[in-house]
Amino acid sequence: MMTVLTLEHFAARINETFIAASDGNAAFVLKEVQPLPSATLEGLMRKPFSLLFHHSSPILFSQKIFQMQHEAFGEVGIFLVPVARDSHGFLYQAVFN
């Protein structure tokens, strides 16, 4: 059975690196974990949340599912969307609902 990842799984991983092995071992650093508002619906598998990752490269990755590797999770597919650029690279967001 697949593990349903929750905000609590990621909250202790702020400033840790996730590696996208299938994308040249690109390193994404988890910068923010935030709960999202949710309707009170019966049967939800988890409360919605978002993750914000930083990738320090001048090259923009398009939105897609990245096969991320992390010692705490093994390999997990995370759909990332570029949302901002700073002087050190790009920020990517993942939303779990």
C-alpha atoms as a PDB file:
ATOM      1  CA  MET A   1       0.000   0.000   0.000  1.00  0.00           C
ATOM      2  CA  MET A   2       1.261   3.469  -0.904  1.00  0.00           C
ATOM      3  CA  THR A   3       2.063   5.849   1.960  1.00  0.00           C
ATOM      4  CA  VAL A   4       0.024   9.055   1.881  1.00  0.00           C
ATOM      5  CA  LEU A   5       2.485  11.871   2.544  1.00  0.00           C
ATOM      6  CA  THR A   6       1.322  14.619   4.891  1.00  0.00           C
ATOM      7  CA  LEU A   7       2.532  18.013   6.049  1.00  0.00           C
ATOM      8  CA  GLU A   8       4.060  16.324   9.098  1.00  0.00           C
ATOM      9  CA  HIS A   9       6.309  14.175   6.881  1.00  0.00           C
ATOM     10  CA  PHE A  10       7.903  17.308   5.393  1.00  0.00           C
ATOM     11  CA  ALA A  11       7.793  19.770   8.317  1.00  0.00           C
ATOM     12  CA  ALA A  12      10.983  18.383   9.869  1.00  0.00           C
ATOM     13  CA  ARG A  13      12.800  18.507   6.496  1.00  0.00           C
ATOM     14  CA  ILE A  14      13.092  22.307   6.041  1.00  0.00           C
ATOM     15  CA  ASN A  15      16.466  23.236   4.462  1.00  0.00           C
ATOM     16  CA  GLU A  16      17.137  19.624   3.497  1.00  0.00           C
ATOM     17  CA  THR A  17      17.995  18.635  -0.068  1.00  0.00           C
ATOM     18  CA  PHE A  18      15.892  16.466  -2.350  1.00  0.00           C
ATOM     19  CA  ILE A  19      17.653  15.099  -5.448  1.00  0.00           C
ATOM     20  CA  ALA A  20      15.928  14.753  -8.830  1.00  0.00           C
ATOM     21  CA  ALA A  21      18.061  11.871 -10.110  1.00  0.00           C
ATOM     22  CA  SER A  22      16.361  11.634 -13.507  1.00  0.00           C
ATOM     23  CA  ASP A  23      17.108  15.337 -14.079  1.00  0.00           C
ATOM     24  CA  GLY A  24      20.889  15.298 -13.772  1.00  0.00           C
ATOM     25  CA  ASN A  25      20.860  14.985  -9.968  1.00  0.00           C
ATOM     26  CA  ALA A  26      19.342  18.459  -9.664  1.00  0.00           C
ATOM     27  CA  ALA A  27      19.268  19.533  -6.015  1.00  0.00           C
ATOM     28  CA  PHE A  28      16.056  21.090  -4.675  1.00  0.00           C
ATOM     29  CA  VAL A  29      16.188  22.515  -1.148  1.00  0.00           C
ATOM     30  CA  LEU A  30      12.921  22.478   0.788  1.00  0.00           C
ATOM     31  CA  LYS A  31      12.360  26.052   2.001  1.00  0.00           C
ATOM     32  CA  GLU A  32       8.773  26.147   3.228  1.00  0.00           C
ATOM     33  CA  VAL A  33       5.976  23.829   4.342  1.00  0.00           C
ATOM     34  CA  GLN A  34       2.547  25.465   4.725  1.00  0.00           C
ATOM     35  CA  PRO A  35      -0.930  24.159   5.524  1.00  0.00           C
ATOM     36  CA  LEU A  36      -3.643  25.195   3.063  1.00  0.00           C
ATOM     37  CA  PRO A  37      -7.257  26.027   3.842  1.00  0.00           C
ATOM     38  CA  SER A  38      -9.604  23.123   3.346  1.00  0.00           C
ATOM     39  CA  ALA A  39     -13.286  22.445   3.290  1.00  0.00           C
ATOM     40  CA  THR A  40     -14.555  20.068   5.907  1.00  0.00           C
ATOM     41  CA  LEU A  41     -15.132  17.110   3.644  1.00  0.00           C
ATOM     42  CA  GLU A  42     -15.623  13.617   4.876  1.00  0.00           C
ATOM     43  CA  GLY A  43     -13.113  11.021   3.730  1.00  0.00           C
ATOM     44  CA  LEU A  44     -10.123  13.263   2.958  1.00  0.00           C
ATOM     45  CA  MET A  45      -6.888  11.269   2.990  1.00  0.00           C
ATOM     46  CA  ARG A  46      -4.920  14.265   4.304  1.00  0.00           C
ATOM     47  CA  LYS A  47      -5.203  17.965   5.034  1.00  0.00           C
ATOM     48  CA  PRO A  48      -4.011  20.064   2.065  1.00  0.00           C
ATOM     49  CA  PHE A  49      -0.545  21.643   2.216  1.00  0.00           C
ATOM     50  CA  SER A  50       2.100  23.172  -0.012  1.00  0.00           C
ATOM     51  CA  LEU A  51       5.861  22.863  -0.291  1.00  0.00           C
ATOM     52  CA  LEU A  52       8.263  25.468  -1.642  1.00  0.00           C
ATOM     53  CA  PHE A  53      11.611  24.302  -3.028  1.00  0.00           C
ATOM     54  CA  HIS A  54      14.610  26.320  -4.218  1.00  0.00           C
ATOM     55  CA  HIS A  55      16.854  25.193  -7.067  1.00  0.00           C
ATOM     56  CA  SER A  56      20.012  27.267  -7.528  1.00  0.00           C
ATOM     57  CA  SER A  57      20.346  27.196 -11.284  1.00  0.00           C
ATOM     58  CA  PRO A  58      19.867  29.838 -13.957  1.00  0.00           C
ATOM     59  CA  ILE A  59      18.042  27.191 -16.013  1.00  0.00           C
ATOM     60  CA  LEU A  60      14.280  26.973 -15.508  1.00  0.00           C
ATOM     61  CA  PHE A  61      12.712  23.516 -15.312  1.00  0.00           C
ATOM     62  CA  SER A  62       9.188  23.271 -16.707  1.00  0.00           C
ATOM     63  CA  GLN A  63       6.386  22.004 -14.501  1.00  0.00           C
ATOM     64  CA  LYS A  64       6.330  18.229 -14.238  1.00  0.00           C
ATOM     65  CA  ILE A  65       6.583  15.299 -11.870  1.00  0.00           C
ATOM     66  CA  PHE A  66      10.123  15.052 -10.517  1.00  0.00           C
ATOM     67  CA  GLN A  67      11.282  11.720  -9.107  1.00  0.00           C
ATOM     68  CA  MET A  68      12.792  13.094  -5.906  1.00  0.00           C
ATOM     69  CA  GLN A  69      15.139  11.116  -3.692  1.00  0.00           C
ATOM     70  CA  HIS A  70      15.549  11.800   0.007  1.00  0.00           C
ATOM     71  CA  GLU A  71      16.955   9.589   2.735  1.00  0.00           C
ATOM     72  CA  ALA A  72      13.740   9.807   4.794  1.00  0.00           C
ATOM     73  CA  PHE A  73      11.353   8.963   1.923  1.00  0.00           C
ATOM     74  CA  GLY A  74      13.348   6.993  -0.609  1.00  0.00           C
ATOM     75  CA  GLU A  75      12.063   7.985  -4.050  1.00  0.00           C
ATOM     76  CA  VAL A  76       8.816   9.903  -4.388  1.00  0.00           C
ATOM     77  CA  GLY A  77       7.209  11.649  -7.360  1.00  0.00           C
ATOM     78  CA  ILE A  78       6.439  15.323  -6.661  1.00  0.00           C
ATOM     79  CA  PHE A  79       4.712  17.601  -9.180  1.00  0.00           C
ATOM     80  CA  LEU A  80       6.620  20.907  -9.116  1.00  0.00           C
ATOM     81  CA  VAL A  81       5.588  24.186 -10.727  1.00  0.00           C
ATOM     82  CA  PRO A  82       8.007  27.116 -11.092  1.00  0.00           C
ATOM     83  CA  VAL A  83       6.504  30.086  -9.226  1.00  0.00           C
ATOM     84  CA  ALA A  84       9.266  32.685  -8.783  1.00  0.00           C
ATOM     85  CA  ARG A  85      12.859  33.602  -9.526  1.00  0.00           C
ATOM     86  CA  ASP A  86      15.409  35.141  -7.201  1.00  0.00           C
ATOM     87  CA  SER A  87      19.043  36.153  -7.631  1.00  0.00           C
ATOM     88  CA  HIS A  88      20.158  32.590  -6.826  1.00  0.00           C
ATOM     89  CA  GLY A  89      17.796  30.488  -8.947  1.00  0.00           C
ATOM     90  CA  PHE A  90      14.137  29.487  -9.074  1.00  0.00           C
ATOM     91  CA  LEU A  91      11.415  28.608  -6.582  1.00  0.00           C
ATOM     92  CA  TYR A  92       9.117  25.656  -7.266  1.00  0.00           C
ATOM     93  CA  GLN A  93       5.850  24.823  -5.517  1.00  0.00           C
ATOM     94  CA  ALA A  94       4.133  21.507  -4.891  1.00  0.00           C
ATOM     95  CA  VAL A  95       0.524  21.383  -3.686  1.00  0.00           C
ATOM     96  CA  PHE A  96      -0.894  18.300  -1.984  1.00  0.00           C
ATOM     97  CA  ASN A  97      -4.661  18.082  -1.596  1.00  0.00           C
END
